[in-house]
Amino acid sequence: MSINVKLSDSLVEQAKAYGHIEHRSVPKQIEYWSQIGKIAQENPDLPFSMIREILIADQEPIIGEYVFN
């Protein structure tokens, strides 16, 4: 579901700058920041580097269970 949200010009400009570096659109950059903030709030002891790794791992395809011969 999508809704229209009014955001400050400075937030949009910052998202544009960071999104350009990370090859994300402005909305995707804001979603990314939102995910980081949510994880950080739910897990205050996790460092940013671990939160970032969680988000990266979450994007990896599920391979399935390994079967030993």
PDB file of N, CA and C in Angstrom:
ATOM      1  N   MET A   1       0.837  -1.164   0.000  1.00  0.00           N
ATOM      2  CA  MET A   1       0.000   0.000   0.000  1.00  0.00           C
ATOM      3  C   MET A   1       0.890   1.237   0.000  1.00  0.00           C
ATOM      4  N   SER A   2       0.519   2.209  -0.747  1.00  0.00           N
ATOM      5  CA  SER A   2       1.283   3.451  -0.747  1.00  0.00           C
ATOM      6  C   SER A   2       0.364   4.605  -0.368  1.00  0.00           C
ATOM      7  N   ILE A   3       0.946   5.572   0.337  1.00  0.00           N
ATOM      8  CA  ILE A   3       0.210   6.771   0.720  1.00  0.00           C
ATOM      9  C   ILE A   3       1.105   7.973   0.487  1.00  0.00           C
ATOM     10  N   ASN A   4       0.517   9.123   0.338  1.00  0.00           N
ATOM     11  CA  ASN A   4       1.284  10.353   0.189  1.00  0.00           C
ATOM     12  C   ASN A   4       1.638  10.883   1.567  1.00  0.00           C
ATOM     13  N   VAL A   5       2.894  11.276   1.730  1.00  0.00           N
ATOM     14  CA  VAL A   5       3.388  11.803   2.999  1.00  0.00           C
ATOM     15  C   VAL A   5       4.139  13.086   2.706  1.00  0.00           C
ATOM     16  N   LYS A   6       3.899  14.103   3.511  1.00  0.00           N
ATOM     17  CA  LYS A   6       4.613  15.366   3.345  1.00  0.00           C
ATOM     18  C   LYS A   6       5.920  15.289   4.153  1.00  0.00           C
ATOM     19  N   LEU A   7       7.036  15.485   3.469  1.00  0.00           N
ATOM     20  CA  LEU A   7       8.359  15.427   4.086  1.00  0.00           C
ATOM     21  C   LEU A   7       9.051  16.770   3.899  1.00  0.00           C
ATOM     22  N   SER A   8       9.949  17.081   4.803  1.00  0.00           N
ATOM     23  CA  SER A   8      10.685  18.335   4.686  1.00  0.00           C
ATOM     24  C   SER A   8      11.611  18.287   3.476  1.00  0.00           C
ATOM     25  N   ASP A   9      11.851  19.444   2.908  1.00  0.00           N
ATOM     26  CA  ASP A   9      12.754  19.532   1.752  1.00  0.00           C
ATOM     27  C   ASP A   9      14.149  19.049   2.098  1.00  0.00           C
ATOM     28  N   SER A  10      14.609  19.346   3.318  1.00  0.00           N
ATOM     29  CA  SER A  10      15.970  18.941   3.689  1.00  0.00           C
ATOM     30  C   SER A  10      16.087  17.417   3.780  1.00  0.00           C
ATOM     31  N   LEU A  11      15.061  16.733   4.296  1.00  0.00           N
ATOM     32  CA  LEU A  11      15.095  15.272   4.354  1.00  0.00           C
ATOM     33  C   LEU A  11      15.130  14.682   2.953  1.00  0.00           C
ATOM     34  N   VAL A  12      14.318  15.212   2.062  1.00  0.00           N
ATOM     35  CA  VAL A  12      14.279  14.714   0.683  1.00  0.00           C
ATOM     36  C   VAL A  12      15.628  14.944   0.000  1.00  0.00           C
ATOM     37  N   GLU A  13      16.237  16.107   0.216  1.00  0.00           N
ATOM     38  CA  GLU A  13      17.547  16.388  -0.383  1.00  0.00           C
ATOM     39  C   GLU A  13      18.620  15.461   0.172  1.00  0.00           C
ATOM     40  N   GLN A  14      18.590  15.201   1.475  1.00  0.00           N
ATOM     41  CA  GLN A  14      19.550  14.268   2.071  1.00  0.00           C
ATOM     42  C   GLN A  14      19.343  12.866   1.518  1.00  0.00           C
ATOM     43  N   ALA A  15      18.091  12.438   1.412  1.00  0.00           N
ATOM     44  CA  ALA A  15      17.795  11.110   0.867  1.00  0.00           C
ATOM     45  C   ALA A  15      18.245  11.010  -0.584  1.00  0.00           C
ATOM     46  N   LYS A  16      18.098  12.092  -1.321  1.00  0.00           N
ATOM     47  CA  LYS A  16      18.541  12.108  -2.716  1.00  0.00           C
ATOM     48  C   LYS A  16      20.058  11.931  -2.794  1.00  0.00           C
ATOM     49  N   ALA A  17      20.785  12.647  -1.934  1.00  0.00           N
ATOM     50  CA  ALA A  17      22.253  12.564  -1.942  1.00  0.00           C
ATOM     51  C   ALA A  17      22.741  11.172  -1.530  1.00  0.00           C
ATOM     52  N   TYR A  18      22.215  10.654  -0.422  1.00  0.00           N
ATOM     53  CA  TYR A  18      22.631   9.334   0.044  1.00  0.00           C
ATOM     54  C   TYR A  18      22.151   8.245  -0.913  1.00  0.00           C
ATOM     55  N   GLY A  19      20.946   8.395  -1.438  1.00  0.00           N
ATOM     56  CA  GLY A  19      20.416   7.419  -2.375  1.00  0.00           C
ATOM     57  C   GLY A  19      21.236   7.342  -3.644  1.00  0.00           C
ATOM     58  N   HIS A  20      21.722   8.489  -4.108  1.00  0.00           N
ATOM     59  CA  HIS A  20      22.577   8.508  -5.292  1.00  0.00           C
ATOM     60  C   HIS A  20      23.842   7.687  -5.056  1.00  0.00           C
ATOM     61  N   ILE A  21      24.443   7.847  -3.895  1.00  0.00           N
ATOM     62  CA  ILE A  21      25.664   7.102  -3.553  1.00  0.00           C
ATOM     63  C   ILE A  21      25.390   5.603  -3.500  1.00  0.00           C
ATOM     64  N   GLU A  22      24.256   5.225  -2.904  1.00  0.00           N
ATOM     65  CA  GLU A  22      23.921   3.805  -2.724  1.00  0.00           C
ATOM     66  C   GLU A  22      23.066   3.232  -3.865  1.00  0.00           C
ATOM     67  N   HIS A  23      22.847   4.032  -4.914  1.00  0.00           N
ATOM     68  CA  HIS A  23      22.058   3.598  -6.078  1.00  0.00           C
ATOM     69  C   HIS A  23      20.623   3.235  -5.690  1.00  0.00           C
ATOM     70  N   ARG A  24      20.009   4.111  -4.862  1.00  0.00           N
ATOM     71  CA  ARG A  24      18.623   3.936  -4.462  1.00  0.00           C
ATOM     72  C   ARG A  24      17.835   5.170  -4.867  1.00  0.00           C
ATOM     73  N   SER A  25      16.555   4.985  -5.113  1.00  0.00           N
ATOM     74  CA  SER A  25      15.680   6.123  -5.349  1.00  0.00           C
ATOM     75  C   SER A  25      15.428   6.817  -4.007  1.00  0.00           C
ATOM     76  N   VAL A  26      14.880   8.015  -4.062  1.00  0.00           N
ATOM     77  CA  VAL A  26      14.575   8.747  -2.821  1.00  0.00           C
ATOM     78  C   VAL A  26      13.631   7.930  -1.932  1.00  0.00           C
ATOM     79  N   PRO A  27      12.526   7.406  -2.465  1.00  0.00           N
ATOM     80  CA  PRO A  27      11.644   6.609  -1.591  1.00  0.00           C
ATOM     81  C   PRO A  27      12.336   5.371  -1.008  1.00  0.00           C
ATOM     82  N   LYS A  28      13.156   4.696  -1.813  1.00  0.00           N
ATOM     83  CA  LYS A  28      13.857   3.507  -1.308  1.00  0.00           C
ATOM     84  C   LYS A  28      14.876   3.882  -0.234  1.00  0.00           C
ATOM     85  N   GLN A  29      15.544   5.034  -0.376  1.00  0.00           N
ATOM     86  CA  GLN A  29      16.498   5.475   0.632  1.00  0.00           C
ATOM     87  C   GLN A  29      15.778   5.769   1.943  1.00  0.00           C
ATOM     88  N   ILE A  30      14.617   6.398   1.870  1.00  0.00           N
ATOM     89  CA  ILE A  30      13.854   6.697   3.080  1.00  0.00           C
ATOM     90  C   ILE A  30      13.339   5.399   3.708  1.00  0.00           C
ATOM     91  N   GLU A  31      12.920   4.431   2.896  1.00  0.00           N
ATOM     92  CA  GLU A  31      12.522   3.125   3.426  1.00  0.00           C
ATOM     93  C   GLU A  31      13.704   2.454   4.133  1.00  0.00           C
ATOM     94  N   TYR A  32      14.881   2.546   3.541  1.00  0.00           N
ATOM     95  CA  TYR A  32      16.089   1.960   4.132  1.00  0.00           C
ATOM     96  C   TYR A  32      16.370   2.586   5.496  1.00  0.00           C
ATOM     97  N   TRP A  33      16.331   3.914   5.564  1.00  0.00           N
ATOM     98  CA  TRP A  33      16.536   4.590   6.842  1.00  0.00           C
ATOM     99  C   TRP A  33      15.482   4.183   7.859  1.00  0.00           C
ATOM    100  N   SER A  34      14.260   3.998   7.398  1.00  0.00           N
ATOM    101  CA  SER A  34      13.175   3.583   8.279  1.00  0.00           C
ATOM    102  C   SER A  34      13.437   2.189   8.850  1.00  0.00           C
ATOM    103  N   GLN A  35      13.895   1.281   7.999  1.00  0.00           N
ATOM    104  CA  GLN A  35      14.220  -0.075   8.454  1.00  0.00           C
ATOM    105  C   GLN A  35      15.336  -0.036   9.498  1.00  0.00           C
ATOM    106  N   ILE A  36      16.372   0.756   9.228  1.00  0.00           N
ATOM    107  CA  ILE A  36      17.480   0.872  10.182  1.00  0.00           C
ATOM    108  C   ILE A  36      16.978   1.406  11.517  1.00  0.00           C
ATOM    109  N   GLY A  37      16.165   2.442  11.471  1.00  0.00           N
ATOM    110  CA  GLY A  37      15.635   3.027  12.697  1.00  0.00           C
ATOM    111  C   GLY A  37      14.787   2.054  13.478  1.00  0.00           C
ATOM    112  N   LYS A  38      13.953   1.280  12.786  1.00  0.00           N
ATOM    113  CA  LYS A  38      13.101   0.298  13.452  1.00  0.00           C
ATOM    114  C   LYS A  38      13.943  -0.776  14.123  1.00  0.00           C
ATOM    115  N   ILE A  39      14.922  -1.315  13.409  1.00  0.00           N
ATOM    116  CA  ILE A  39      15.789  -2.352  13.987  1.00  0.00           C
ATOM    117  C   ILE A  39      16.578  -1.791  15.162  1.00  0.00           C
ATOM    118  N   ALA A  40      17.095  -0.571  15.023  1.00  0.00           N
ATOM    119  CA  ALA A  40      17.873   0.050  16.109  1.00  0.00           C
ATOM    120  C   ALA A  40      17.005   0.277  17.343  1.00  0.00           C
ATOM    121  N   GLN A  41      15.764   0.675  17.136  1.00  0.00           N
ATOM    122  CA  GLN A  41      14.875   0.914  18.271  1.00  0.00           C
ATOM    123  C   GLN A  41      14.512  -0.401  18.965  1.00  0.00           C
ATOM    124  N   GLU A  42      14.311  -1.455  18.199  1.00  0.00           N
ATOM    125  CA  GLU A  42      13.955  -2.747  18.772  1.00  0.00           C
ATOM    126  C   GLU A  42      15.159  -3.459  19.389  1.00  0.00           C
ATOM    127  N   ASN A  43      16.371  -3.092  18.964  1.00  0.00           N
ATOM    128  CA  ASN A  43      17.606  -3.744  19.428  1.00  0.00           C
ATOM    129  C   ASN A  43      18.648  -2.683  19.747  1.00  0.00           C
ATOM    130  N   PRO A  44      18.479  -1.946  20.835  1.00  0.00           N
ATOM    131  CA  PRO A  44      19.362  -0.807  21.113  1.00  0.00           C
ATOM    132  C   PRO A  44      20.833  -1.163  21.327  1.00  0.00           C
ATOM    133  N   ASP A  45      21.138  -2.438  21.566  1.00  0.00           N
ATOM    134  CA  ASP A  45      22.534  -2.824  21.794  1.00  0.00           C
ATOM    135  C   ASP A  45      23.278  -3.203  20.519  1.00  0.00           C
ATOM    136  N   LEU A  46      22.569  -3.293  19.392  1.00  0.00           N
ATOM    137  CA  LEU A  46      23.232  -3.659  18.141  1.00  0.00           C
ATOM    138  C   LEU A  46      23.942  -2.458  17.534  1.00  0.00           C
ATOM    139  N   PRO A  47      25.193  -2.632  17.107  1.00  0.00           N
ATOM    140  CA  PRO A  47      25.873  -1.543  16.396  1.00  0.00           C
ATOM    141  C   PRO A  47      25.345  -1.414  14.974  1.00  0.00           C
ATOM    142  N   PHE A  48      25.537  -0.238  14.386  1.00  0.00           N
ATOM    143  CA  PHE A  48      25.048   0.007  13.028  1.00  0.00           C
ATOM    144  C   PHE A  48      25.587  -1.021  12.048  1.00  0.00           C
ATOM    145  N   SER A  49      26.853  -1.396  12.182  1.00  0.00           N
ATOM    146  CA  SER A  49      27.437  -2.350  11.235  1.00  0.00           C
ATOM    147  C   SER A  49      26.677  -3.675  11.241  1.00  0.00           C
ATOM    148  N   MET A  50      26.228  -4.120  12.402  1.00  0.00           N
ATOM    149  CA  MET A  50      25.476  -5.374  12.473  1.00  0.00           C
ATOM    150  C   MET A  50      24.077  -5.191  11.870  1.00  0.00           C
ATOM    151  N   ILE A  51      23.462  -4.054  12.120  1.00  0.00           N
ATOM    152  CA  ILE A  51      22.151  -3.777  11.538  1.00  0.00           C
ATOM    153  C   ILE A  51      22.254  -3.788  10.012  1.00  0.00           C
ATOM    154  N   ARG A  52      23.294  -3.163   9.502  1.00  0.00           N
ATOM    155  CA  ARG A  52      23.500  -3.130   8.045  1.00  0.00           C
ATOM    156  C   ARG A  52      23.680  -4.542   7.494  1.00  0.00           C
ATOM    157  N   GLU A  53      24.453  -5.388   8.182  1.00  0.00           N
ATOM    158  CA  GLU A  53      24.656  -6.763   7.741  1.00  0.00           C
ATOM    159  C   GLU A  53      23.354  -7.553   7.770  1.00  0.00           C
ATOM    160  N   ILE A  54      22.506  -7.292   8.755  1.00  0.00           N
ATOM    161  CA  ILE A  54      21.196  -7.951   8.823  1.00  0.00           C
ATOM    162  C   ILE A  54      20.371  -7.591   7.597  1.00  0.00           C
ATOM    163  N   LEU A  55      20.358  -6.308   7.241  1.00  0.00           N
ATOM    164  CA  LEU A  55      19.591  -5.873   6.080  1.00  0.00           C
ATOM    165  C   LEU A  55      20.144  -6.462   4.787  1.00  0.00           C
ATOM    166  N   ILE A  56      21.450  -6.570   4.680  1.00  0.00           N
ATOM    167  CA  ILE A  56      22.064  -7.172   3.489  1.00  0.00           C
ATOM    168  C   ILE A  56      21.718  -8.652   3.411  1.00  0.00           C
ATOM    169  N   ALA A  57      21.840  -9.358   4.529  1.00  0.00           N
ATOM    170  CA  ALA A  57      21.534 -10.790   4.556  1.00  0.00           C
ATOM    171  C   ALA A  57      20.065 -11.047   4.248  1.00  0.00           C
ATOM    172  N   ASP A  58      19.207 -10.129   4.668  1.00  0.00           N
ATOM    173  CA  ASP A  58      17.776 -10.278   4.417  1.00  0.00           C
ATOM    174  C   ASP A  58      17.457 -10.216   2.929  1.00  0.00           C
ATOM    175  N   GLN A  59      18.316  -9.600   2.142  1.00  0.00           N
ATOM    176  CA  GLN A  59      18.099  -9.474   0.702  1.00  0.00           C
ATOM    177  C   GLN A  59      18.644 -10.663  -0.093  1.00  0.00           C
ATOM    178  N   GLU A  60      19.438 -11.514   0.551  1.00  0.00           N
ATOM    179  CA  GLU A  60      20.015 -12.659  -0.149  1.00  0.00           C
ATOM    180  C   GLU A  60      18.945 -13.711  -0.413  1.00  0.00           C
ATOM    181  N   PRO A  61      19.031 -14.380  -1.554  1.00  0.00           N
ATOM    182  CA  PRO A  61      18.035 -15.415  -1.857  1.00  0.00           C
ATOM    183  C   PRO A  61      18.150 -16.611  -0.915  1.00  0.00           C
ATOM    184  N   ILE A  62      17.027 -17.228  -0.621  1.00  0.00           N
ATOM    185  CA  ILE A  62      17.018 -18.433   0.219  1.00  0.00           C
ATOM    186  C   ILE A  62      17.453 -19.593  -0.635  1.00  0.00           C
ATOM    187  N   ILE A  63      18.490 -20.264  -0.208  1.00  0.00           N
ATOM    188  CA  ILE A  63      19.067 -21.370  -0.984  1.00  0.00           C
ATOM    189  C   ILE A  63      18.382 -22.691  -0.656  1.00  0.00           C
ATOM    190  N   GLY A  64      17.985 -22.854   0.562  1.00  0.00           N
ATOM    191  CA  GLY A  64      17.362 -24.109   0.975  1.00  0.00           C
ATOM    192  C   GLY A  64      18.290 -24.876   1.900  1.00  0.00           C
ATOM    193  N   GLU A  65      17.818 -25.989   2.335  1.00  0.00           N
ATOM    194  CA  GLU A  65      18.573 -26.805   3.282  1.00  0.00           C
ATOM    195  C   GLU A  65      19.665 -27.594   2.564  1.00  0.00           C
ATOM    196  N   TYR A  66      20.844 -27.625   3.183  1.00  0.00           N
ATOM    197  CA  TYR A  66      21.951 -28.384   2.622  1.00  0.00           C
ATOM    198  C   TYR A  66      21.767 -29.860   2.949  1.00  0.00           C
ATOM    199  N   VAL A  67      21.954 -30.728   1.972  1.00  0.00           N
ATOM    200  CA  VAL A  67      21.814 -32.168   2.169  1.00  0.00           C
ATOM    201  C   VAL A  67      23.202 -32.785   2.143  1.00  0.00           C
ATOM    202  N   PHE A  68      23.581 -33.438   3.244  1.00  0.00           N
ATOM    203  CA  PHE A  68      24.862 -34.110   3.314  1.00  0.00           C
ATOM    204  C   PHE A  68      24.759 -35.473   2.643  1.00  0.00           C
ATOM    205  N   ASN A  69      25.828 -35.887   1.965  1.00  0.00           N
ATOM    206  CA  ASN A  69      25.828 -37.195   1.287  1.00  0.00           C
ATOM    207  C   ASN A  69      26.218 -38.290   2.205  1.00  0.00           C
TER     208      ASN A  69
END
